[in-house]
N, C-alpha and C. Protein backbone atom coordinates (compact mmCIF):
# COMPACT_ATOMS: atom_id res chain seq x y z
N MET A 1 20.90 -60.39 59.42
CA MET A 1 22.14 -61.04 59.84
C MET A 1 23.33 -60.19 59.38
N ALA A 2 24.20 -59.90 60.29
CA ALA A 2 25.35 -59.06 59.99
C ALA A 2 26.37 -59.81 59.15
N PHE A 3 27.03 -59.08 58.30
CA PHE A 3 28.10 -59.62 57.47
C PHE A 3 29.38 -59.51 58.28
N GLU A 4 30.07 -60.63 58.49
CA GLU A 4 31.32 -60.60 59.26
C GLU A 4 32.48 -61.05 58.38
N VAL A 5 33.49 -60.23 58.33
CA VAL A 5 34.69 -60.52 57.57
C VAL A 5 35.69 -61.21 58.49
N THR A 6 36.25 -62.32 57.99
CA THR A 6 37.34 -63.01 58.67
C THR A 6 38.48 -63.10 57.68
N LYS A 7 39.61 -63.60 58.12
CA LYS A 7 40.73 -63.72 57.19
C LYS A 7 40.46 -64.78 56.12
N GLU A 8 39.45 -65.61 56.30
CA GLU A 8 39.07 -66.61 55.31
C GLU A 8 38.05 -66.10 54.30
N THR A 9 37.54 -64.89 54.51
CA THR A 9 36.52 -64.33 53.62
C THR A 9 37.14 -64.00 52.26
N ILE A 10 36.42 -64.33 51.22
CA ILE A 10 36.86 -64.05 49.85
C ILE A 10 36.69 -62.55 49.57
N ILE A 11 37.71 -61.95 48.99
CA ILE A 11 37.69 -60.51 48.72
C ILE A 11 36.49 -60.12 47.85
N GLY A 12 36.18 -60.92 46.87
CA GLY A 12 35.01 -60.63 46.02
C GLY A 12 33.73 -60.55 46.82
N ASP A 13 33.60 -61.40 47.84
CA ASP A 13 32.40 -61.37 48.68
C ASP A 13 32.34 -60.09 49.51
N ILE A 14 33.50 -59.64 49.98
CA ILE A 14 33.55 -58.40 50.75
C ILE A 14 33.13 -57.23 49.85
N LEU A 15 33.70 -57.16 48.66
CA LEU A 15 33.39 -56.07 47.74
C LEU A 15 31.94 -56.12 47.27
N ASP A 16 31.40 -57.33 47.07
CA ASP A 16 30.00 -57.45 46.67
C ASP A 16 29.07 -56.96 47.77
N HIS A 17 29.46 -57.20 49.01
CA HIS A 17 28.64 -56.78 50.14
C HIS A 17 28.68 -55.26 50.32
N ASP A 18 29.90 -54.68 50.17
CA ASP A 18 30.05 -53.24 50.39
C ASP A 18 31.24 -52.73 49.56
N GLU A 19 30.94 -52.14 48.43
CA GLU A 19 32.00 -51.66 47.54
C GLU A 19 32.87 -50.58 48.18
N THR A 20 32.36 -49.90 49.18
CA THR A 20 33.17 -48.85 49.81
C THR A 20 34.35 -49.41 50.59
N THR A 21 34.40 -50.73 50.79
CA THR A 21 35.55 -51.35 51.46
C THR A 21 36.76 -51.36 50.54
N SER A 22 36.57 -51.03 49.29
CA SER A 22 37.70 -51.01 48.35
C SER A 22 38.83 -50.10 48.84
N GLU A 23 38.49 -49.06 49.58
CA GLU A 23 39.52 -48.13 50.09
C GLU A 23 40.56 -48.85 50.94
N TYR A 24 40.16 -49.89 51.66
CA TYR A 24 41.10 -50.62 52.51
C TYR A 24 42.08 -51.43 51.66
N PHE A 25 41.58 -51.98 50.58
CA PHE A 25 42.45 -52.76 49.69
C PHE A 25 43.38 -51.86 48.90
N LEU A 26 42.86 -50.74 48.44
CA LEU A 26 43.70 -49.79 47.71
C LEU A 26 44.80 -49.24 48.61
N ALA A 27 44.47 -49.00 49.88
CA ALA A 27 45.45 -48.46 50.82
C ALA A 27 46.61 -49.42 51.07
N MET A 28 46.36 -50.73 50.93
CA MET A 28 47.45 -51.68 51.15
C MET A 28 48.18 -52.02 49.86
N GLY A 29 47.82 -51.33 48.77
CA GLY A 29 48.53 -51.51 47.50
C GLY A 29 47.91 -52.53 46.58
N MET A 30 46.71 -52.97 46.89
CA MET A 30 46.01 -53.95 46.05
C MET A 30 45.13 -53.18 45.07
N HIS A 31 45.67 -52.90 43.88
CA HIS A 31 44.99 -52.03 42.94
C HIS A 31 44.17 -52.77 41.88
N CYS A 32 44.31 -54.06 41.79
CA CYS A 32 43.57 -54.85 40.80
C CYS A 32 42.40 -55.54 41.47
N LEU A 33 41.53 -54.77 42.09
CA LEU A 33 40.45 -55.33 42.90
C LEU A 33 39.42 -56.14 42.13
N TYR A 34 39.19 -55.80 40.90
CA TYR A 34 38.10 -56.44 40.18
C TYR A 34 38.57 -57.46 39.15
N CYS A 35 39.87 -57.77 39.15
CA CYS A 35 40.31 -58.84 38.25
C CYS A 35 39.95 -60.17 38.90
N PRO A 36 39.69 -61.20 38.11
CA PRO A 36 39.22 -62.48 38.64
C PRO A 36 40.14 -63.10 39.70
N ALA A 37 41.43 -62.98 39.53
CA ALA A 37 42.34 -63.59 40.49
C ALA A 37 42.21 -62.96 41.87
N SER A 38 42.19 -61.64 41.95
CA SER A 38 42.13 -60.99 43.26
C SER A 38 40.76 -61.17 43.90
N ARG A 39 39.72 -61.20 43.11
CA ARG A 39 38.37 -61.39 43.67
C ARG A 39 38.21 -62.77 44.29
N GLY A 40 39.01 -63.74 43.85
CA GLY A 40 38.91 -65.10 44.37
C GLY A 40 39.83 -65.38 45.54
N GLU A 41 40.67 -64.43 45.90
CA GLU A 41 41.60 -64.61 47.02
C GLU A 41 40.89 -64.40 48.35
N THR A 42 41.40 -65.08 49.37
CA THR A 42 40.92 -64.77 50.71
C THR A 42 41.61 -63.51 51.20
N LEU A 43 41.06 -62.92 52.21
CA LEU A 43 41.68 -61.74 52.81
C LEU A 43 43.09 -62.08 53.29
N GLU A 44 43.24 -63.25 53.87
CA GLU A 44 44.55 -63.67 54.38
C GLU A 44 45.58 -63.80 53.25
N GLU A 45 45.17 -64.39 52.12
CA GLU A 45 46.10 -64.54 50.99
C GLU A 45 46.57 -63.18 50.47
N ALA A 46 45.64 -62.26 50.33
CA ALA A 46 46.00 -60.92 49.85
C ALA A 46 46.91 -60.21 50.84
N CYS A 47 46.62 -60.35 52.11
CA CYS A 47 47.43 -59.69 53.13
C CYS A 47 48.85 -60.25 53.17
N MET A 48 48.99 -61.55 52.97
CA MET A 48 50.32 -62.14 52.95
C MET A 48 51.17 -61.55 51.83
N VAL A 49 50.57 -61.37 50.67
CA VAL A 49 51.28 -60.82 49.52
C VAL A 49 51.67 -59.36 49.75
N HIS A 50 50.80 -58.63 50.44
CA HIS A 50 51.01 -57.19 50.60
C HIS A 50 51.58 -56.80 51.97
N GLY A 51 51.93 -57.79 52.79
CA GLY A 51 52.56 -57.50 54.08
C GLY A 51 51.66 -56.80 55.08
N VAL A 52 50.39 -57.21 55.12
CA VAL A 52 49.42 -56.59 56.01
C VAL A 52 48.90 -57.65 56.98
N ASP A 53 48.63 -57.27 58.21
CA ASP A 53 48.07 -58.19 59.20
C ASP A 53 46.60 -58.44 58.87
N ALA A 54 46.26 -59.68 58.54
CA ALA A 54 44.90 -60.03 58.11
C ALA A 54 43.88 -59.83 59.22
N ASP A 55 44.24 -60.14 60.45
CA ASP A 55 43.30 -59.97 61.55
C ASP A 55 42.97 -58.50 61.78
N GLU A 56 43.99 -57.65 61.70
CA GLU A 56 43.77 -56.21 61.88
C GLU A 56 42.92 -55.63 60.75
N LEU A 57 43.19 -56.08 59.52
CA LEU A 57 42.40 -55.58 58.39
C LEU A 57 40.96 -56.05 58.49
N ALA A 58 40.74 -57.30 58.87
CA ALA A 58 39.37 -57.80 59.05
C ALA A 58 38.64 -56.99 60.10
N LYS A 59 39.33 -56.67 61.19
CA LYS A 59 38.73 -55.86 62.26
C LYS A 59 38.34 -54.48 61.73
N ALA A 60 39.21 -53.85 60.97
CA ALA A 60 38.93 -52.52 60.41
C ALA A 60 37.77 -52.57 59.42
N ILE A 61 37.74 -53.58 58.57
CA ILE A 61 36.66 -53.69 57.58
C ILE A 61 35.33 -53.95 58.28
N ASN A 62 35.34 -54.81 59.29
CA ASN A 62 34.11 -55.08 60.04
C ASN A 62 33.59 -53.81 60.71
N ALA A 63 34.49 -53.01 61.28
CA ALA A 63 34.07 -51.75 61.91
C ALA A 63 33.46 -50.82 60.86
N HIS A 64 34.05 -50.79 59.67
CA HIS A 64 33.54 -49.95 58.58
C HIS A 64 32.15 -50.43 58.14
N ILE A 65 32.00 -51.71 57.93
CA ILE A 65 30.73 -52.27 57.43
C ILE A 65 29.62 -52.14 58.48
N ASN A 66 29.94 -52.45 59.70
CA ASN A 66 28.91 -52.56 60.73
C ASN A 66 28.78 -51.30 61.60
N GLY A 67 29.47 -50.25 61.17
CA GLY A 67 29.34 -48.96 61.80
C GLY A 67 29.82 -48.92 63.21
């Protein structure tokens, strides 16, 4: 079963599934990836704070994960 990221997906779950996705979070300025607060945020919550479109980021991460 494929892993699908949506804007409701928890960042910690994304990183647990594929640590190489960290590059997408670092690129948007989210540098505290492994602190408890950021790991518990949804993709949408993090994107709102960092001014990034959550749907576009989910699409990019899904393309990265699923080749």
